[in-house]
N, C-alpha and C. Protein backbone atom coordinates (compact mmCIF):
# COMPACT_ATOMS: atom_id res chain seq x y z
N UNK A 1 -41.05 -3.66 -86.53
CA UNK A 1 -41.16 -4.56 -85.41
C UNK A 1 -40.53 -3.86 -84.23
N UNK A 2 -39.42 -3.14 -84.40
CA UNK A 2 -38.74 -2.47 -83.34
C UNK A 2 -39.68 -1.41 -82.73
N UNK A 3 -40.36 -0.70 -83.56
CA UNK A 3 -41.30 0.38 -83.09
C UNK A 3 -42.43 -0.17 -82.24
N UNK A 4 -42.92 -1.37 -82.63
CA UNK A 4 -43.97 -2.01 -81.88
C UNK A 4 -43.46 -2.41 -80.56
N UNK A 5 -42.25 -3.00 -80.49
CA UNK A 5 -41.64 -3.43 -79.25
C UNK A 5 -41.46 -2.28 -78.30
N UNK A 6 -41.05 -1.11 -78.88
CA UNK A 6 -40.89 0.08 -78.05
C UNK A 6 -42.23 0.56 -77.54
N UNK A 7 -43.27 0.48 -78.37
CA UNK A 7 -44.63 0.85 -77.98
C UNK A 7 -45.08 -0.05 -76.83
N UNK A 8 -44.74 -1.33 -76.94
CA UNK A 8 -45.19 -2.27 -75.86
C UNK A 8 -44.37 -1.89 -74.52
N UNK A 9 -43.17 -1.55 -74.67
CA UNK A 9 -42.30 -1.23 -73.47
C UNK A 9 -42.89 0.05 -72.81
N UNK A 10 -43.28 0.97 -73.64
CA UNK A 10 -43.75 2.27 -73.14
C UNK A 10 -45.19 2.30 -72.75
N UNK A 11 -45.89 1.24 -72.95
CA UNK A 11 -47.31 1.08 -72.63
C UNK A 11 -47.47 1.16 -71.10
N UNK A 12 -48.29 2.13 -70.61
CA UNK A 12 -48.44 2.21 -69.13
C UNK A 12 -49.26 1.06 -68.55
N UNK A 13 -50.30 0.61 -69.24
CA UNK A 13 -51.12 -0.51 -68.85
C UNK A 13 -50.62 -1.75 -69.65
N UNK A 14 -49.79 -2.59 -69.05
CA UNK A 14 -49.24 -3.73 -69.80
C UNK A 14 -50.34 -4.69 -70.18
N UNK A 15 -50.38 -5.17 -71.41
CA UNK A 15 -51.43 -6.18 -71.88
C UNK A 15 -51.20 -7.46 -71.22
N UNK A 16 -52.27 -8.26 -71.18
CA UNK A 16 -52.12 -9.67 -70.63
C UNK A 16 -51.20 -10.46 -71.53
N UNK A 17 -51.31 -10.27 -72.83
CA UNK A 17 -50.58 -11.04 -73.77
C UNK A 17 -49.78 -10.21 -74.63
N UNK A 18 -48.44 -10.27 -74.56
CA UNK A 18 -47.57 -9.45 -75.38
C UNK A 18 -47.69 -9.84 -76.91
N UNK A 19 -47.95 -11.18 -77.07
CA UNK A 19 -48.10 -11.67 -78.47
C UNK A 19 -49.35 -11.06 -79.12
N UNK A 20 -50.42 -11.00 -78.39
CA UNK A 20 -51.68 -10.35 -78.95
C UNK A 20 -51.42 -8.86 -79.19
N UNK A 21 -50.66 -8.21 -78.32
CA UNK A 21 -50.31 -6.84 -78.53
C UNK A 21 -49.60 -6.61 -79.85
N UNK A 22 -48.61 -7.49 -80.02
CA UNK A 22 -47.78 -7.44 -81.27
C UNK A 22 -48.61 -7.69 -82.50
N UNK A 23 -49.42 -8.71 -82.42
CA UNK A 23 -50.32 -9.00 -83.60
C UNK A 23 -51.21 -7.87 -83.88
N UNK A 24 -51.79 -7.31 -82.86
CA UNK A 24 -52.76 -6.20 -83.15
C UNK A 24 -52.00 -4.99 -83.78
N UNK A 25 -50.82 -4.65 -83.26
CA UNK A 25 -50.11 -3.53 -83.80
C UNK A 25 -49.45 -3.82 -85.11
N UNK A 26 -49.26 -4.96 -85.43
CA UNK A 26 -48.68 -5.33 -86.78
C UNK A 26 -49.72 -5.58 -87.76
N UNK A 27 -51.03 -5.65 -87.35
CA UNK A 27 -52.15 -5.82 -88.26
C UNK A 27 -52.35 -7.29 -88.60
N UNK A 28 -51.77 -8.16 -87.85
CA UNK A 28 -51.91 -9.63 -88.18
C UNK A 28 -53.26 -10.17 -87.66
N UNK A 29 -53.85 -9.56 -86.70
CA UNK A 29 -55.10 -10.12 -86.17
C UNK A 29 -56.24 -9.38 -86.79
N UNK A 30 -57.13 -10.18 -87.40
CA UNK A 30 -58.38 -9.61 -88.02
C UNK A 30 -59.39 -9.44 -86.95
N UNK A 31 -60.39 -8.55 -87.10
CA UNK A 31 -61.43 -8.47 -86.10
C UNK A 31 -62.19 -9.83 -86.09
N UNK A 32 -62.73 -10.09 -84.89
CA UNK A 32 -63.43 -11.29 -84.70
C UNK A 32 -64.70 -11.36 -85.65
N UNK A 33 -64.85 -12.44 -86.28
CA UNK A 33 -66.03 -12.61 -87.18
C UNK A 33 -67.17 -13.09 -86.27
N UNK A 34 -68.37 -12.42 -86.41
CA UNK A 34 -69.54 -12.77 -85.61
C UNK A 34 -69.94 -14.26 -85.77
N UNK A 35 -69.71 -14.79 -86.93
CA UNK A 35 -70.03 -16.23 -87.15
C UNK A 35 -69.12 -17.10 -86.32
N UNK A 36 -67.84 -16.70 -86.13
CA UNK A 36 -66.90 -17.53 -85.29
C UNK A 36 -67.43 -17.46 -83.86
N UNK A 37 -67.87 -16.31 -83.36
CA UNK A 37 -68.35 -16.21 -81.99
C UNK A 37 -69.60 -17.05 -81.82
N UNK A 38 -70.48 -17.01 -82.82
CA UNK A 38 -71.71 -17.88 -82.72
C UNK A 38 -71.33 -19.31 -82.68
N UNK A 39 -70.33 -19.77 -83.47
CA UNK A 39 -69.95 -21.19 -83.41
C UNK A 39 -69.28 -21.50 -82.06
N UNK A 40 -68.51 -20.61 -81.47
CA UNK A 40 -67.95 -20.90 -80.16
C UNK A 40 -69.06 -21.08 -79.10
N UNK A 41 -70.09 -20.25 -79.24
CA UNK A 41 -71.25 -20.33 -78.32
C UNK A 41 -71.93 -21.63 -78.46
N UNK A 42 -72.10 -22.06 -79.70
CA UNK A 42 -72.79 -23.37 -79.99
C UNK A 42 -71.97 -24.53 -79.48
N UNK A 43 -70.62 -24.48 -79.56
CA UNK A 43 -69.81 -25.52 -79.06
C UNK A 43 -69.90 -25.59 -77.57
N UNK A 44 -69.94 -24.44 -76.90
CA UNK A 44 -70.05 -24.45 -75.46
C UNK A 44 -71.40 -25.03 -75.04
N UNK A 45 -72.47 -24.75 -75.75
CA UNK A 45 -73.80 -25.27 -75.47
C UNK A 45 -73.80 -26.87 -75.64
N UNK A 46 -73.14 -27.25 -76.77
CA UNK A 46 -73.07 -28.66 -77.04
C UNK A 46 -72.28 -29.37 -75.95
N UNK A 47 -71.23 -28.79 -75.46
CA UNK A 47 -70.48 -29.47 -74.36
C UNK A 47 -71.27 -29.57 -73.11
N UNK A 48 -72.09 -28.60 -72.77
CA UNK A 48 -72.96 -28.73 -71.61
C UNK A 48 -73.99 -29.83 -71.86
N UNK A 49 -74.55 -29.93 -72.98
CA UNK A 49 -75.56 -30.99 -73.22
C UNK A 49 -74.87 -32.33 -73.15
N UNK A 50 -73.64 -32.43 -73.75
CA UNK A 50 -72.87 -33.69 -73.67
C UNK A 50 -72.63 -34.11 -72.23
N UNK A 51 -72.19 -33.15 -71.40
CA UNK A 51 -71.98 -33.43 -69.98
C UNK A 51 -73.25 -33.88 -69.26
N UNK A 52 -74.37 -33.30 -69.60
CA UNK A 52 -75.58 -33.72 -68.99
C UNK A 52 -75.98 -35.09 -69.41
N UNK A 53 -75.78 -35.47 -70.61
CA UNK A 53 -76.15 -36.77 -71.18
C UNK A 53 -75.17 -37.80 -70.50
N UNK A 54 -73.97 -37.49 -70.33
CA UNK A 54 -73.05 -38.44 -69.69
C UNK A 54 -73.48 -38.70 -68.29
N UNK A 55 -73.87 -37.65 -67.59
CA UNK A 55 -74.32 -37.78 -66.22
C UNK A 55 -75.63 -38.63 -66.15
N UNK A 56 -76.49 -38.36 -67.07
CA UNK A 56 -77.77 -39.14 -67.10
C UNK A 56 -77.46 -40.67 -67.33
N UNK A 57 -76.48 -40.87 -68.24
CA UNK A 57 -76.07 -42.25 -68.62
C UNK A 57 -75.49 -42.92 -67.39
N UNK A 58 -74.70 -42.28 -66.61
CA UNK A 58 -74.13 -42.89 -65.37
C UNK A 58 -75.26 -43.27 -64.43
N UNK A 59 -76.23 -42.42 -64.22
CA UNK A 59 -77.32 -42.70 -63.33
C UNK A 59 -78.14 -43.89 -63.87
N UNK A 60 -78.39 -43.93 -65.08
CA UNK A 60 -79.15 -45.06 -65.66
C UNK A 60 -78.44 -46.39 -65.54
N UNK A 61 -77.05 -46.35 -65.72
CA UNK A 61 -76.31 -47.55 -65.60
C UNK A 61 -76.35 -48.03 -64.18
N UNK A 62 -76.32 -47.10 -63.20
CA UNK A 62 -76.41 -47.44 -61.75
C UNK A 62 -77.76 -48.13 -61.45
N UNK A 63 -78.81 -47.57 -61.99
CA UNK A 63 -80.13 -48.18 -61.84
C UNK A 63 -80.27 -49.56 -62.40
N UNK A 64 -79.58 -49.77 -63.60
CA UNK A 64 -79.71 -51.08 -64.18
C UNK A 64 -78.95 -52.10 -63.38
N UNK A 65 -77.78 -51.71 -62.78
CA UNK A 65 -77.01 -52.62 -61.96
C UNK A 65 -77.84 -53.00 -60.71
N UNK A 66 -78.63 -52.12 -60.18
CA UNK A 66 -79.36 -52.39 -59.00
C UNK A 66 -80.43 -53.50 -59.33
N UNK A 67 -80.99 -53.43 -60.49
CA UNK A 67 -82.06 -54.39 -60.89
C UNK A 67 -81.39 -55.68 -61.32
């Protein structure tokens, strides 16, 4: 652990996250699984669809109130 902290201190380009740096150098972080990335993309797409449906719902409710 001490050696990794020294490496972090001596790093010329400081990383954005010291915790990620430590995990990487201690071997705690596994490489990203392509399946996980695909699931993250799917979640992002579903959130966009959800937001679109909510917006459409608001518009339809407004139309119903007018009639």
